Each structure stands twice: as structure tokens, then as C-alpha cells.
Amino acid sequence: MMTPSAEMTRYFDATSNRETRDDLKLAVSLVEGSKIAIDCGCGAGSDIAYLRAKNFHVHAFDGEEDAIRRCQDKFGDDDNVYLTQANFNSFNYPKASLVVADASLFFCPENEFGEVWRKITDCLQPQGVFVGSFLGSEDTMAGAGYNGEALWPEVLVVSEGQVRNWLARFDIISFTEHRSEGKSIEGTLHQWHIFSVVAQKKSADV
């Protein structure tokens, strides 16, 4: 097993039992019919726990071996959680009513994003819901000081216009631009610039 970096370990420790975000609660409330969710970049599994509490069958993947190990420790006895070590482009997306991608598409390689977004969009059933976040240009991680060797090697930086264009096949339920300053998990000053989205796939393409 590859030993995770100290920074990665601290990140998973800090997010293992984080509070459920309001965007995810809103997204779950919109889902009708079958409850099948995909958690993209599941990390230490906090969203999986919430989704299972809401009776979703959860397909979760992460590229980090340590993330999948942690989730196996938590959910290994749950027949309704399906864990895969994979990246965005190699994961086999099943049909779903909900796709969760919080703070994970930040790290999708730019040259793969178009294909990944097509897969995410296509796997959602009509009226299915996407909830996720995208990294803005003023975030500290978008700057030269980002430590890609300790965390993830690539960062996808986007504009509001790009995100809205990608959502052409969706009705936007909530779109929030977050700008704030605070301390990162490492204890250093961090400027956050994030676009958070809840969107529902249209019944038919227009």
C-alpha cells in the first residue's frame, strides 16, 4: 500500500466526520424515484454516511488508496455501498438519480474534464440531480504556492461563465459564489473562491 503524504492524511482525518452541507441536503430533497447516488472523490466517506442514512444506494470512488481503505473500514459490511479506487475518467458511471462532486472536480485534469462532464451528465436520469463545487481563479489553490506534490498534482480552475455553460442540460436550482478567508487544515491562511451548484437535469435536451 502506498503511504499517503502527511498533508493527505491530515485532510482525510479532518473531513472524516464533517457536517453535512446544506447543498447536499437540498439536492437529496429534490430526488424522486430510485435512490442511486454516485459520490465522486468520496474521500473519507462523510457524504456516504449521510446518503446511506437517507436510504441511497451509493457508488463511491476515489483515486487515493487511503480514501478507499478508510471507507472500506466504515462501510465494508454495507451491501448498498459500492467502493472503487478510480479516477474521474476511469470510473464506470452507473445510471443514477444523484451525483455528488464536492471539492473533487477541483482535481480533474483539464484535458479530461470535457469527457468526464459528459459521463456525469449522461449517467444522470431525467430529473436527476447534480451537486458539486468548482474552483475559482482567486482561490489559494489556484496560485503558484499550491503544493501539488503533497496533495493532488493538477488543479482545474474555472470561471462562472464556464460552469453555467456546462449546466446547459440542467435547470439550476442553486448557484453560489463563495469568497472567504480563513485557516486551512495546514493552519496557513487560505483564500477560498468556490462556485457551489445544485442543478436538476432537464427531462429532455433542448
Protein backbone atom coordinates (compact mmCIF):
# COMPACT_ATOMS: atom_id res chain seq x y z
CA MET A 1 0.00 0.00 0.00
CA MET A 2 1.34 3.43 -0.94
CA THR A 3 1.90 5.62 2.12
CA PRO A 4 -0.18 8.82 1.85
CA SER A 5 1.52 12.16 2.42
CA ALA A 6 1.19 13.77 5.84
CA GLU A 7 -0.91 16.52 4.26
CA MET A 8 -3.29 13.99 2.70
CA THR A 9 -3.63 12.12 5.98
CA ARG A 10 -4.48 15.33 7.82
CA TYR A 11 -7.04 16.20 5.15
CA PHE A 12 -8.83 12.84 5.44
CA ASP A 13 -8.69 12.98 9.24
CA ALA A 14 -10.22 16.47 9.26
CA THR A 15 -13.03 15.65 6.82
CA SER A 16 -13.94 12.14 8.00
CA ASN A 17 -16.94 13.28 10.06
CA ARG A 18 -17.59 16.75 8.72
CA GLU A 19 -21.01 18.34 8.97
CA THR A 20 -23.33 17.73 6.02
CA ARG A 21 -23.52 20.74 3.72
CA ASP A 22 -26.81 22.49 3.04
CA ASP A 23 -26.32 21.99 -0.71
CA LEU A 24 -26.25 18.22 -0.30
CA LYS A 25 -29.34 18.30 1.91
CA LEU A 26 -31.12 20.37 -0.77
CA ALA A 27 -30.02 18.02 -3.54
CA VAL A 28 -31.25 14.95 -1.66
CA SER A 29 -34.63 16.61 -1.08
CA LEU A 30 -35.06 17.01 -4.85
CA VAL A 31 -34.52 13.35 -5.73
CA GLU A 32 -37.64 11.41 -6.63
CA GLY A 33 -37.97 7.74 -7.50
CA SER A 34 -34.96 5.46 -7.27
CA LYS A 35 -32.29 6.50 -4.80
CA ILE A 36 -28.99 5.75 -6.51
CA ALA A 37 -26.10 8.10 -5.84
CA ILE A 38 -22.55 8.44 -7.12
CA ASP A 39 -20.01 10.08 -4.82
CA CYS A 40 -17.15 11.37 -6.96
CA GLY A 41 -13.97 11.67 -4.95
CA CYS A 42 -15.52 10.25 -1.79
CA GLY A 43 -12.55 10.94 0.47
CA ALA A 44 -13.02 9.56 3.98
CA GLY A 45 -16.73 8.92 3.41
CA SER A 46 -18.68 11.61 5.27
CA ASP A 47 -21.12 12.08 2.37
CA ILE A 48 -21.55 8.32 2.01
CA ALA A 49 -22.70 8.14 5.62
CA TYR A 50 -25.31 10.85 5.06
CA LEU A 51 -26.55 9.30 1.83
CA ARG A 52 -26.92 5.89 3.43
CA ALA A 53 -28.89 7.48 6.28
CA LYS A 54 -31.24 8.76 3.55
CA ASN A 55 -31.57 5.22 2.08
CA PHE A 56 -29.48 5.77 -1.05
CA HIS A 57 -27.52 3.01 -2.72
CA VAL A 58 -24.11 4.64 -3.05
CA HIS A 59 -21.45 4.07 -5.72
CA ALA A 60 -18.34 5.87 -4.49
CA PHE A 61 -14.89 6.25 -5.95
CA ASP A 62 -11.62 7.98 -5.16
CA GLY A 63 -8.20 7.89 -6.73
CA GLU A 64 -6.49 7.70 -3.36
CA GLU A 65 -5.90 4.22 -1.94
CA ASP A 66 -6.07 5.55 1.62
CA ALA A 67 -9.52 7.06 0.99
CA ILE A 68 -10.92 3.74 -0.20
CA ARG A 69 -9.31 1.90 2.71
CA ARG A 70 -10.94 4.28 5.19
CA CYS A 71 -14.31 3.84 3.50
CA GLN A 72 -13.94 0.07 3.49
CA ASP A 73 -13.32 0.21 7.24
CA LYS A 74 -16.54 2.22 7.67
CA PHE A 75 -18.83 0.62 5.09
CA GLY A 76 -17.30 -2.75 4.27
CA ASP A 77 -20.27 -4.60 5.78
CA ASP A 78 -22.85 -2.48 3.94
CA ASP A 79 -24.08 -4.24 0.80
CA ASN A 80 -25.51 -0.97 -0.52
CA VAL A 81 -22.16 0.83 -0.69
CA TYR A 82 -20.00 0.05 -3.72
CA LEU A 83 -16.42 1.31 -3.47
CA THR A 84 -13.94 1.66 -6.33
CA GLN A 85 -10.43 3.03 -6.47
CA ALA A 86 -10.59 5.00 -9.72
CA ASN A 87 -10.15 8.46 -11.15
CA PHE A 88 -12.84 10.54 -12.84
CA ASN A 89 -12.19 9.21 -16.32
CA SER A 90 -11.66 5.53 -15.48
CA PHE A 91 -14.74 5.12 -13.27
CA ASN A 92 -17.68 3.29 -14.85
CA TYR A 93 -20.63 5.57 -14.08
CA PRO A 94 -23.89 3.66 -13.47
CA LYS A 95 -27.27 5.25 -14.05
CA ALA A 96 -28.04 7.44 -11.05
CA SER A 97 -30.53 9.90 -9.63
CA LEU A 98 -27.86 11.91 -7.78
CA VAL A 99 -24.22 12.76 -8.49
CA VAL A 100 -22.16 14.34 -5.71
CA ALA A 101 -18.85 16.04 -6.56
CA ASP A 102 -17.90 18.29 -3.67
CA ALA A 103 -14.34 19.68 -3.72
CA SER A 104 -13.31 16.87 -6.05
CA LEU A 105 -13.69 18.22 -9.59
CA PHE A 106 -11.06 20.74 -8.48
CA PHE A 107 -8.57 17.98 -9.23
CA CYS A 108 -9.86 16.61 -12.53
CA PRO A 109 -7.17 17.12 -15.21
CA GLU A 110 -8.23 19.93 -17.51
CA ASN A 111 -7.69 17.86 -20.67
CA GLU A 112 -10.05 15.16 -19.31
CA PHE A 113 -12.80 17.37 -17.95
CA GLY A 114 -14.95 17.53 -21.10
CA GLU A 115 -15.25 13.76 -21.28
CA VAL A 116 -15.75 13.45 -17.52
CA TRP A 117 -18.55 16.02 -17.56
CA ARG A 118 -20.24 14.21 -20.44
CA LYS A 119 -20.14 10.96 -18.43
CA ILE A 120 -21.55 12.66 -15.33
CA THR A 121 -24.34 14.30 -17.32
CA ASP A 122 -25.21 11.18 -19.29
CA CYS A 123 -25.35 8.89 -16.24
CA LEU A 124 -27.99 11.05 -14.58
CA GLN A 125 -31.58 10.06 -15.20
CA PRO A 126 -34.02 12.78 -16.35
CA GLN A 127 -34.73 14.98 -13.31
CA GLY A 128 -31.60 13.58 -11.69
CA VAL A 129 -29.62 15.99 -9.53
CA PHE A 130 -26.01 17.16 -9.62
CA VAL A 131 -24.50 18.77 -6.53
CA GLY A 132 -20.90 19.88 -6.55
CA SER A 133 -18.35 22.65 -6.45
CA PHE A 134 -15.80 24.21 -8.78
CA LEU A 135 -12.61 26.14 -8.02
CA GLY A 136 -12.45 29.84 -8.89
CA SER A 137 -9.36 31.73 -10.05
CA GLU A 138 -8.89 33.66 -6.80
CA ASP A 139 -8.60 30.59 -4.58
CA THR A 140 -5.23 29.99 -2.95
CA MET A 141 -5.08 26.56 -4.61
CA ALA A 142 -5.18 28.29 -8.00
CA GLY A 143 -1.99 30.18 -7.18
CA ALA A 144 1.69 29.39 -7.53
CA GLY A 145 2.01 28.38 -3.89
CA TYR A 146 -0.22 25.30 -4.19
CA ASN A 147 1.64 22.14 -3.11
CA GLY A 148 0.67 19.64 -5.80
CA GLU A 149 3.30 17.13 -4.71
CA ALA A 150 1.81 16.74 -1.23
CA LEU A 151 -1.84 16.81 -2.30
CA TRP A 152 -3.11 16.49 -5.89
CA PRO A 153 -0.87 17.24 -8.87
CA GLU A 154 -3.36 19.20 -11.01
CA VAL A 155 -5.94 21.86 -10.22
CA LEU A 156 -8.86 22.75 -12.50
CA VAL A 157 -9.55 26.49 -12.30
CA VAL A 158 -12.80 27.74 -13.84
CA SER A 159 -14.92 30.85 -14.33
CA GLU A 160 -18.59 31.34 -13.50
CA GLY A 161 -19.37 31.52 -17.21
CA GLN A 162 -17.76 28.15 -17.88
CA VAL A 163 -19.73 26.48 -15.10
CA ARG A 164 -23.02 27.94 -16.32
CA ASN A 165 -22.25 26.77 -19.87
CA TRP A 166 -21.59 23.24 -18.63
CA LEU A 167 -25.00 23.27 -16.98
CA ALA A 168 -26.87 23.82 -20.25
CA ARG A 169 -28.69 20.49 -19.89
CA PHE A 170 -29.75 21.34 -16.32
CA ASP A 171 -32.13 23.62 -14.50
CA ILE A 172 -30.02 25.48 -11.95
CA ILE A 173 -31.63 25.23 -8.51
CA SER A 174 -28.87 26.93 -6.53
CA PHE A 175 -25.68 28.68 -7.67
CA THR A 176 -23.49 30.34 -5.04
CA GLU A 177 -20.11 32.01 -5.36
CA HIS A 178 -18.19 31.73 -2.09
CA ARG A 179 -15.36 34.12 -1.22
CA SER A 180 -13.84 33.94 2.23
CA GLU A 181 -10.58 33.86 4.15
CA GLY A 182 -9.56 31.57 6.93
CA LYS A 183 -7.12 28.92 8.10
CA SER A 184 -6.55 25.80 6.03
CA ILE A 185 -6.18 22.32 7.51
CA GLU A 186 -2.44 23.03 7.45
CA GLY A 187 -3.01 26.10 9.62
CA THR A 188 -1.97 28.55 6.92
CA LEU A 189 -4.01 31.49 5.66
CA HIS A 190 -6.29 30.44 2.80
CA GLN A 191 -8.40 32.48 0.40
CA TRP A 192 -11.39 30.44 -0.77
CA HIS A 193 -13.07 31.11 -4.10
CA ILE A 194 -15.59 28.39 -4.92
CA PHE A 195 -18.71 28.03 -7.05
CA SER A 196 -21.26 25.69 -5.42
CA VAL A 197 -24.04 24.23 -7.56
CA VAL A 198 -27.24 22.26 -7.20
CA ALA A 199 -28.81 21.53 -10.57
CA GLN A 200 -31.50 19.19 -11.91
CA LYS A 201 -31.17 17.52 -15.29
CA LYS A 202 -33.90 18.54 -17.72
CA SER A 203 -36.47 15.93 -18.75
CA ALA A 204 -35.37 16.31 -22.37
CA ASP A 205 -32.47 18.09 -24.01
CA VAL A 206 -33.36 21.43 -25.55
